Amino acid sequence: MQKEVGMSKATAPNKTAASFEIAEDAQLKCPNCDSTGIHTFYSVRDIPVHSCLLMPTREAALNYPRGDLKLGFCRGCGFVFNTLFRPEVHEYSTAYEETQGFSPTFNAFAKELAADLIRKHDLHGKTILEIGCGKGEFLVLLCQLAQNQGIGIDPGYVPQRTPEEVAPRIEFIQDFYGEKYAHLMADLICCRHTLEHIAPTLEFMRSLRKTIGDRKDTVVFFELPDVYRVLEEGAFWDIYYEHCTYFSLGSLARLFRQTGFEVTELEAVYDKQYLLLTATPAAEATSPNLQAEDDLDTMAATVEAFPAVVEKAISGWRRFVDDAVSRNEKVVLWGSGSKGVSFLSTLAIDDAIDYVVDINPYRQGHFMPSTGQEIIGPDRLPEVRPDHVIVMNPIYCDEIQKDLDRLGVKAKLHAV
């Protein structure tokens, strides 16, 4: 939202970017299964088209391009997607700063996940290809733990981030993955938190299956957010323009089976925030055989309930911020990534919150797209002296509280 001149520091409680109109679009086609008849149920207007690009100035942040989001639900496969998404507005580059690798909690999860993959699939001295490798941290971990060779593909890769001792064993390609890389052979193809950024999911997975070809011993591993949790909790902060596609366990498995994979493992992890899928290439489409795949009725009911759930969540957080500001209490956000961007832009919060905290030093000193808050490191908090810290992911509350205690900051934590 553009800032309005003459308004008080707290914006009106009902002024948010979200709306909850429910409609049926009989002509719209699902990009995950090609069926028609989509149920639209939630929209957010005028939000930044990127959440993780570094904004060097407040002016650049306030003026960054925006778009609209309208979620549609496919009753055929359970898929959720932004029906208004325009891929041409995106600019993935080295200025894209998405890493969670500065969090001890996240690093412990990643290390355990890497060790589990190595053990299950005997990844010792093997070749691993990671699609959408980001800064390469997970691929580096897989190569360090078991002397593997690696190939990472991502337009946002930064060479200086790779440790020297493992760099000779990993080839990084600053590009998007496609059929031109069909010659790259790998024992494991890994893709973490990338598929949710890809609009034509059916087309992408068909292309991936084509590049694997007859190499039936290749293991495919995907990790991405779980939309069922988002819908059930009314987690509007997990809905933003960059994420154009949203999967449940069932819709993810159905996509893989339709495109010629046998799904061997399917689970929700990390406090049920992330989905993990393991699959192997098959000669043709495969049939469901895992209990977690049977979620169409559950998804339909959850989508139906979502507008009321999310409206309550939005009004509750808008009221919380306004009430705090009316008492002259300072509120800061902890977490400047996509969740923080969506929280602020959906609630249309600008001057009511001045700062967003992030432990990633590469994000500090930059500004939040659309709403313009400065991103600061935790060590700035003693001078800011906040009364409240809104934590954008409850799984990090313990490590954040340790930082506050270390700094002598007595603010109250409030997890979304």
Protein backbone atom coordinates (compact mmCIF):
# COMPACT_ATOMS: atom_id res chain seq x y z
CA MET A 1 0.00 0.00 0.00
CA GLN A 2 1.16 3.55 -0.66
CA LYS A 3 1.58 5.54 2.52
CA GLU A 4 -1.26 7.99 3.18
CA VAL A 5 -0.35 11.50 4.27
CA GLY A 6 -1.75 12.73 7.56
CA MET A 7 -2.58 9.35 9.10
CA SER A 8 -1.68 8.50 12.67
CA LYS A 9 1.08 5.99 13.34
CA ALA A 10 -1.43 3.16 13.73
CA THR A 11 -3.41 2.48 10.58
CA ALA A 12 -7.15 1.75 10.70
CA PRO A 13 -7.81 -1.81 11.93
CA ASN A 14 -9.90 -2.77 8.90
CA LYS A 15 -7.44 -1.47 6.35
CA THR A 16 -5.82 -4.64 5.10
CA ALA A 17 -4.93 -5.89 1.63
CA ALA A 18 -6.92 -9.13 1.90
CA SER A 19 -10.43 -10.10 0.81
CA PHE A 20 -12.38 -13.32 1.06
CA GLU A 21 -14.69 -13.59 -1.93
CA ILE A 22 -15.56 -17.19 -2.83
CA ALA A 23 -16.26 -17.97 -6.47
CA GLU A 24 -16.16 -20.72 -9.06
CA ASP A 25 -14.25 -20.39 -12.34
CA ALA A 26 -15.39 -23.12 -14.71
CA GLN A 27 -12.93 -22.15 -17.46
CA LEU A 28 -9.72 -21.87 -15.45
CA LYS A 29 -7.37 -24.83 -15.90
CA CYS A 30 -5.31 -26.39 -13.10
CA PRO A 31 -1.56 -26.14 -13.84
CA ASN A 32 -0.99 -29.27 -11.75
CA CYS A 33 -3.37 -31.76 -13.40
CA ASP A 34 -4.91 -29.97 -16.41
CA SER A 35 -8.47 -30.31 -15.13
CA THR A 36 -10.92 -27.37 -15.24
CA GLY A 37 -13.23 -25.84 -12.67
CA ILE A 38 -11.33 -23.93 -9.99
CA HIS A 39 -12.70 -22.71 -6.67
CA THR A 40 -11.21 -19.27 -5.78
CA PHE A 41 -11.33 -18.37 -2.10
CA TYR A 42 -8.78 -15.76 -0.96
CA SER A 43 -7.11 -12.72 -2.48
CA VAL A 44 -4.53 -10.11 -1.51
CA ARG A 45 -4.01 -7.00 -3.59
CA ASP A 46 -1.04 -4.76 -4.27
CA ILE A 47 1.69 -6.91 -2.68
CA PRO A 48 5.40 -7.02 -3.63
CA VAL A 49 6.15 -9.50 -6.39
CA HIS A 50 9.40 -10.45 -4.63
CA SER A 51 10.00 -11.05 -0.94
CA CYS A 52 13.69 -11.95 -0.76
CA LEU A 53 15.36 -9.53 -3.15
CA LEU A 54 17.55 -7.09 -1.24
CA MET A 55 16.16 -3.55 -1.25
CA PRO A 56 19.10 -1.11 -0.85
CA THR A 57 17.03 1.94 0.16
CA ARG A 58 13.66 2.65 1.71
CA GLU A 59 12.61 4.44 -1.46
CA ALA A 60 13.46 1.39 -3.57
CA ALA A 61 11.51 -0.80 -1.15
CA LEU A 62 8.41 1.40 -1.20
CA ASN A 63 8.44 1.62 -4.98
CA TYR A 64 9.16 -2.02 -5.74
CA PRO A 65 6.72 -3.56 -8.28
CA ARG A 66 3.56 -5.10 -6.87
CA GLY A 67 0.93 -7.53 -8.02
CA ASP A 68 -2.27 -9.21 -6.95
CA LEU A 69 -2.80 -12.72 -5.65
CA LYS A 70 -5.95 -14.83 -5.82
CA LEU A 71 -5.82 -18.41 -4.57
CA GLY A 72 -7.64 -21.09 -6.50
CA PHE A 73 -8.32 -24.66 -5.38
CA CYS A 74 -8.53 -27.59 -7.78
CA ARG A 75 -11.09 -30.14 -6.60
CA GLY A 76 -9.60 -32.69 -8.98
CA CYS A 77 -6.10 -32.93 -7.46
CA GLY A 78 -6.21 -30.76 -4.31
CA PHE A 79 -3.75 -28.21 -5.66
CA VAL A 80 -3.78 -24.53 -4.61
CA PHE A 81 -2.29 -21.80 -6.80
CA ASN A 82 -2.25 -18.08 -7.51
CA THR A 83 -4.62 -17.68 -10.44
CA LEU A 84 -3.26 -14.15 -11.15
CA PHE A 85 0.44 -15.06 -11.15
CA ARG A 86 2.67 -13.50 -13.83
CA PRO A 87 6.10 -15.19 -14.01
CA GLU A 88 7.63 -12.42 -16.12
CA VAL A 89 7.77 -10.06 -13.11
CA HIS A 90 10.32 -12.18 -11.26
CA GLU A 91 14.04 -11.50 -11.19
CA TYR A 92 16.00 -14.27 -9.47
CA SER A 93 19.62 -13.18 -9.20
CA THR A 94 22.53 -12.95 -6.78
CA ALA A 95 20.60 -10.13 -5.05
CA TYR A 96 18.07 -12.76 -3.98
CA GLU A 97 18.86 -13.50 -0.31
CA GLU A 98 16.79 -16.48 0.85
CA THR A 99 19.12 -18.48 3.07
CA GLN A 100 18.07 -19.73 6.50
CA GLY A 101 21.60 -20.97 7.15
CA PHE A 102 22.35 -18.54 9.99
CA SER A 103 19.83 -20.21 12.31
CA PRO A 104 21.14 -22.96 14.63
CA THR A 105 17.67 -24.53 14.67
CA PHE A 106 17.43 -24.68 10.89
CA ASN A 107 21.02 -25.90 10.52
CA ALA A 108 20.38 -28.77 12.93
CA PHE A 109 17.34 -29.77 10.87
CA ALA A 110 19.28 -29.56 7.60
CA LYS A 111 22.17 -31.63 8.94
CA GLU A 112 19.82 -34.31 10.24
CA LEU A 113 17.98 -34.36 6.92
CA ALA A 114 21.22 -34.67 4.94
CA ALA A 115 22.46 -37.50 7.17
CA ASP A 116 19.13 -39.29 6.76
CA LEU A 117 19.28 -39.06 2.96
CA ILE A 118 22.85 -40.33 2.95
CA ARG A 119 21.95 -43.29 5.15
CA LYS A 120 18.75 -44.28 3.32
CA HIS A 121 20.19 -44.08 -0.18
CA ASP A 122 23.83 -45.03 0.46
CA LEU A 123 25.08 -41.68 -0.80
CA HIS A 124 28.80 -42.24 -0.35
CA GLY A 125 31.08 -41.13 -3.17
CA LYS A 126 28.01 -40.51 -5.36
CA THR A 127 26.86 -37.58 -7.53
CA ILE A 128 24.10 -35.27 -6.30
CA LEU A 129 22.28 -32.74 -8.45
CA GLU A 130 20.35 -29.98 -6.66
CA ILE A 131 17.79 -27.98 -8.62
CA GLY A 132 17.33 -24.54 -7.08
CA CYS A 133 20.33 -24.90 -4.77
CA GLY A 134 20.24 -21.28 -3.56
CA LYS A 135 23.59 -20.44 -2.01
CA GLY A 136 24.51 -24.14 -2.10
CA GLU A 137 24.51 -24.86 1.64
CA PHE A 138 22.55 -28.13 1.58
CA LEU A 139 24.48 -29.46 -1.38
CA VAL A 140 27.73 -28.60 0.39
CA LEU A 141 26.48 -30.48 3.44
CA LEU A 142 25.66 -33.62 1.42
CA CYS A 143 29.10 -33.52 -0.17
CA GLN A 144 30.96 -32.86 3.08
CA LEU A 145 29.28 -35.59 5.10
CA ALA A 146 29.94 -38.46 2.68
CA GLN A 147 32.56 -37.39 0.13
CA ASN A 148 30.00 -36.91 -2.62
CA GLN A 149 30.31 -34.93 -5.85
CA GLY A 150 27.78 -32.18 -6.46
CA ILE A 151 26.11 -30.15 -9.20
CA GLY A 152 24.04 -27.14 -8.12
CA ILE A 153 21.82 -25.08 -10.40
CA ASP A 154 20.44 -21.71 -9.32
CA PRO A 155 20.56 -18.17 -10.80
CA GLY A 156 21.03 -16.78 -7.28
CA TYR A 157 24.17 -18.77 -6.41
CA VAL A 158 27.06 -16.71 -4.98
CA PRO A 159 30.50 -18.38 -5.42
CA GLN A 160 32.05 -16.69 -2.37
CA ARG A 161 29.66 -18.59 -0.07
CA THR A 162 31.11 -22.05 -0.84
CA PRO A 163 33.78 -23.36 1.57
CA GLU A 164 37.15 -23.77 -0.17
CA GLU A 165 37.68 -27.33 1.02
CA VAL A 166 34.59 -28.66 -0.78
CA ALA A 167 34.45 -26.28 -3.78
CA PRO A 168 36.55 -28.52 -6.12
CA ARG A 169 33.95 -31.32 -5.79
CA ILE A 170 30.94 -29.18 -6.72
CA GLU A 171 30.01 -27.60 -10.03
CA PHE A 172 27.65 -24.64 -9.71
CA ILE A 173 25.64 -23.34 -12.65
CA GLN A 174 24.00 -19.91 -12.37
CA ASP A 175 20.87 -20.73 -14.34
CA PHE A 176 17.38 -22.23 -14.20
CA TYR A 177 17.09 -25.99 -14.61
CA GLY A 178 15.68 -27.27 -17.90
CA GLU A 179 15.95 -29.96 -20.53
CA LYS A 180 19.26 -28.54 -21.76
CA TYR A 181 20.75 -30.09 -18.62
CA ALA A 182 19.49 -33.61 -19.40
CA HIS A 183 23.10 -34.73 -19.82
CA LEU A 184 23.84 -34.17 -16.13
CA MET A 185 23.92 -37.58 -14.46
CA ALA A 186 23.16 -37.95 -10.76
CA ASP A 187 22.41 -40.64 -8.19
CA LEU A 188 20.18 -38.21 -6.28
CA ILE A 189 18.23 -35.28 -7.71
CA CYS A 190 17.36 -32.93 -4.89
CA CYS A 191 15.00 -29.95 -5.05
CA ARG A 192 14.25 -28.01 -1.86
CA HIS A 193 11.88 -25.03 -1.61
CA THR A 194 11.85 -24.39 -5.33
CA LEU A 195 8.76 -26.08 -6.79
CA GLU A 196 6.50 -23.61 -4.96
CA HIS A 197 8.05 -20.86 -7.12
CA ILE A 198 7.22 -22.62 -10.39
CA ALA A 199 3.82 -21.92 -11.97
CA PRO A 200 3.44 -24.69 -14.60
CA THR A 201 4.12 -27.54 -12.17
CA LEU A 202 2.80 -30.29 -14.45
CA GLU A 203 4.95 -29.06 -17.32
CA PHE A 204 8.02 -28.82 -15.06
CA MET A 205 7.67 -32.33 -13.67
CA ARG A 206 7.10 -33.81 -17.13
CA SER A 207 10.28 -32.07 -18.23
CA LEU A 208 12.20 -33.40 -15.23
CA ARG A 209 10.99 -36.95 -15.89
CA LYS A 210 12.08 -36.58 -19.52
CA THR A 211 15.59 -35.48 -18.51
CA ILE A 212 15.98 -38.52 -16.25
CA GLY A 213 15.06 -40.84 -19.11
CA ASP A 214 15.87 -44.50 -18.57
CA ARG A 215 18.01 -43.94 -15.46
CA LYS A 216 15.55 -45.81 -13.22
CA ASP A 217 17.98 -46.02 -10.28
CA THR A 218 17.97 -42.22 -9.82
CA VAL A 219 16.40 -41.11 -6.53
CA VAL A 220 14.37 -37.88 -6.55
CA PHE A 221 13.90 -35.90 -3.34
CA PHE A 222 11.71 -32.78 -2.97
CA GLU A 223 11.04 -30.53 0.02
CA LEU A 224 8.52 -27.66 0.08
CA PRO A 225 5.97 -25.94 2.35
CA ASP A 226 2.76 -27.67 3.43
CA VAL A 227 -0.36 -25.73 2.39
CA TYR A 228 -2.65 -27.78 4.63
CA ARG A 229 -1.03 -26.25 7.76
CA VAL A 230 -1.29 -22.77 6.22
CA LEU A 231 -5.00 -23.22 5.54
CA GLU A 232 -5.80 -24.85 8.86
CA GLU A 233 -4.03 -22.14 10.88
CA GLY A 234 -5.09 -19.19 8.73
CA ALA A 235 -1.39 -18.45 8.28
CA PHE A 236 -1.72 -15.51 5.89
CA TRP A 237 1.98 -14.70 6.39
CA ASP A 238 2.78 -17.87 4.45
CA ILE A 239 0.87 -16.69 1.37
CA TYR A 240 2.78 -14.32 -0.92
CA TYR A 241 3.40 -13.58 -4.56
CA GLU A 242 6.65 -15.51 -4.94
CA HIS A 243 4.89 -18.70 -3.90
CA CYS A 244 2.62 -19.21 -6.87
CA THR A 245 1.91 -22.87 -6.06
CA TYR A 246 0.86 -24.55 -2.80
CA PHE A 247 0.95 -28.30 -2.15
CA SER A 248 -0.51 -30.75 0.31
CA LEU A 249 0.90 -34.25 0.72
CA GLY A 250 -1.79 -35.62 -1.58
CA SER A 251 -1.54 -33.04 -4.37
CA LEU A 252 2.26 -33.35 -4.41
CA ALA A 253 2.10 -37.14 -4.66
CA ARG A 254 -0.56 -36.97 -7.37
CA LEU A 255 1.66 -34.68 -9.45
CA PHE A 256 4.60 -37.07 -9.20
CA ARG A 257 2.51 -40.15 -9.98
CA GLN A 258 0.87 -38.49 -12.99
CA THR A 259 4.27 -37.59 -14.45
CA GLY A 260 5.84 -41.06 -14.20
CA PHE A 261 7.26 -41.47 -10.70
CA GLU A 262 6.73 -44.03 -7.98
CA VAL A 263 6.35 -42.21 -4.66
CA THR A 264 8.20 -44.15 -1.96
CA GLU A 265 8.13 -41.74 1.00
CA LEU A 266 5.80 -38.90 1.93
CA GLU A 267 5.73 -36.98 5.21
CA ALA A 268 5.36 -33.60 6.91
CA VAL A 269 8.27 -32.45 9.10
CA TYR A 270 9.72 -29.37 10.86
CA ASP A 271 6.68 -28.88 13.06
CA LYS A 272 4.58 -29.93 10.04
CA GLN A 273 5.71 -26.89 8.07
CA TYR A 274 7.52 -28.80 5.31
CA LEU A 275 6.61 -31.69 3.05
CA LEU A 276 9.20 -34.30 2.11
CA LEU A 277 8.72 -36.56 -0.91
CA THR A 278 11.02 -39.28 -2.19
CA ALA A 279 10.37 -40.95 -5.53
CA THR A 280 11.93 -43.07 -8.25
CA PRO A 281 11.29 -42.97 -12.02
CA ALA A 282 8.61 -45.33 -13.35
CA ALA A 283 7.71 -46.43 -16.87
CA GLU A 284 4.28 -44.80 -16.67
CA ALA A 285 1.84 -43.12 -14.29
CA THR A 286 1.59 -44.93 -10.94
CA SER A 287 -1.27 -45.54 -8.51
CA PRO A 288 -1.51 -44.18 -4.95
CA ASN A 289 -0.55 -46.58 -2.17
CA LEU A 290 0.36 -44.32 0.77
CA GLN A 291 -2.22 -43.31 3.36
CA ALA A 292 -1.14 -39.65 3.35
CA GLU A 293 -2.15 -39.31 -0.30
CA ASP A 294 -5.87 -39.62 0.48
CA ASP A 295 -6.54 -35.99 1.43
CA LEU A 296 -8.94 -34.57 -1.19
CA ASP A 297 -11.96 -34.41 1.12
CA THR A 298 -9.89 -32.97 3.96
CA MET A 299 -8.40 -30.32 1.68
CA ALA A 300 -11.81 -29.34 0.29
CA ALA A 301 -13.23 -28.90 3.80
CA THR A 302 -10.18 -26.90 4.94
CA VAL A 303 -10.38 -24.60 1.91
CA GLU A 304 -14.08 -24.04 2.62
CA ALA A 305 -13.29 -23.04 6.22
CA PHE A 306 -10.23 -20.92 5.38
CA PRO A 307 -11.87 -17.52 4.67
CA ALA A 308 -13.37 -17.36 8.17
CA VAL A 309 -10.18 -18.65 9.81
CA VAL A 310 -7.85 -16.26 8.01
CA GLU A 311 -10.14 -13.25 8.46
CA LYS A 312 -9.99 -13.84 12.21
CA ALA A 313 -6.19 -14.15 12.12
CA ILE A 314 -5.77 -10.96 10.09
CA SER A 315 -8.09 -8.88 12.26
CA GLY A 316 -6.48 -10.26 15.43
CA TRP A 317 -2.94 -9.31 14.42
CA ARG A 318 -4.04 -5.92 13.06
CA ARG A 319 -5.75 -5.21 16.38
CA PHE A 320 -2.71 -6.38 18.36
CA VAL A 321 -0.38 -3.96 16.56
CA ASP A 322 -2.81 -1.04 16.75
CA ASP A 323 -3.46 -1.59 20.46
CA ALA A 324 0.26 -1.72 21.23
CA VAL A 325 0.93 1.49 19.31
CA SER A 326 -2.01 3.24 21.02
CA ARG A 327 -0.26 2.48 24.34
CA ASN A 328 3.02 3.91 22.97
CA GLU A 329 4.58 0.45 23.02
CA LYS A 330 7.19 -0.44 20.40
CA VAL A 331 6.67 -3.51 18.22
CA VAL A 332 9.33 -5.12 16.05
CA LEU A 333 9.12 -8.13 13.75
CA TRP A 334 11.72 -10.92 13.89
CA GLY A 335 12.26 -12.46 10.46
CA SER A 336 12.67 -10.32 7.33
CA GLY A 337 12.06 -13.09 4.79
CA SER A 338 8.88 -13.88 2.93
CA LYS A 339 6.77 -14.45 6.04
CA GLY A 340 7.66 -11.03 7.40
CA VAL A 341 7.02 -9.35 4.04
CA SER A 342 3.61 -11.01 3.76
CA PHE A 343 2.69 -10.21 7.37
CA LEU A 344 3.38 -6.51 6.89
CA SER A 345 1.98 -6.12 3.38
CA THR A 346 -1.20 -8.11 4.05
CA LEU A 347 -1.92 -6.08 7.18
CA ALA A 348 -0.90 -2.86 5.37
CA ILE A 349 1.47 -1.98 8.23
CA ASP A 350 4.00 0.71 7.52
CA ASP A 351 4.80 3.26 10.26
CA ALA A 352 3.22 1.21 13.05
CA ILE A 353 6.36 -0.96 13.03
CA ASP A 354 9.73 0.67 12.44
CA TYR A 355 12.15 -2.26 12.39
CA VAL A 356 12.42 -5.89 11.33
CA VAL A 357 15.12 -8.03 12.94
CA ASP A 358 17.12 -10.68 11.08
CA ILE A 359 20.19 -12.68 12.04
CA ASN A 360 21.30 -12.95 8.41
CA PRO A 361 24.01 -10.27 8.06
CA TYR A 362 23.44 -10.06 4.30
CA ARG A 363 19.89 -8.78 4.91
CA GLN A 364 20.78 -6.24 7.59
CA GLY A 365 20.86 -2.63 6.43
CA HIS A 366 18.30 -3.29 3.70
CA PHE A 367 14.56 -2.58 3.70
CA MET A 368 11.31 -4.52 3.55
CA PRO A 369 9.71 -4.46 0.08
CA SER A 370 6.43 -2.55 -0.12
CA THR A 371 6.29 -1.37 3.52
CA GLY A 372 9.83 0.00 3.90
CA GLN A 373 10.92 -1.03 7.42
CA GLU A 374 14.69 -1.12 8.02
CA ILE A 375 16.15 -4.58 8.60
CA ILE A 376 18.47 -4.61 11.61
CA GLY A 377 20.57 -7.16 13.44
CA PRO A 378 19.69 -8.32 16.98
CA ASP A 379 22.49 -6.21 18.45
CA ARG A 380 20.53 -3.06 17.58
CA LEU A 381 17.64 -4.05 19.87
CA PRO A 382 19.06 -2.56 23.12
CA GLU A 383 18.89 0.90 21.51
CA VAL A 384 15.46 0.26 19.95
CA ARG A 385 14.08 -1.06 23.27
CA PRO A 386 11.02 -2.90 21.91
CA ASP A 387 8.15 -3.91 24.16
CA HIS A 388 6.96 -6.66 21.81
CA VAL A 389 8.70 -8.95 19.32
CA ILE A 390 6.47 -10.72 16.80
CA VAL A 391 8.26 -13.92 15.75
CA MET A 392 7.49 -14.97 12.19
CA ASN A 393 8.09 -18.67 12.85
CA PRO A 394 7.39 -20.21 16.28
CA ILE A 395 10.00 -22.91 15.76
CA TYR A 396 12.68 -20.25 16.35
CA CYS A 397 11.31 -18.86 19.63
CA ASP A 398 13.88 -20.59 21.85
CA GLU A 399 16.91 -19.33 19.93
CA ILE A 400 15.39 -15.83 19.70
CA GLN A 401 14.73 -15.75 23.44
CA LYS A 402 18.39 -16.67 24.02
CA ASP A 403 19.44 -13.70 21.88
CA LEU A 404 17.14 -11.36 23.79
CA ASP A 405 18.46 -12.64 27.13
CA ARG A 406 22.06 -12.19 25.94
CA LEU A 407 21.30 -8.61 24.96
CA GLY A 408 19.31 -7.81 28.10
CA VAL A 409 16.17 -7.02 26.07
CA LYS A 410 13.00 -7.60 28.14
CA ALA A 411 10.48 -7.57 25.25
CA LYS A 412 7.62 -10.08 25.17
CA LEU A 413 7.71 -12.70 22.38
CA HIS A 414 4.57 -13.28 20.35
CA ALA A 415 4.76 -16.08 17.78
CA VAL A 416 2.45 -16.12 14.78
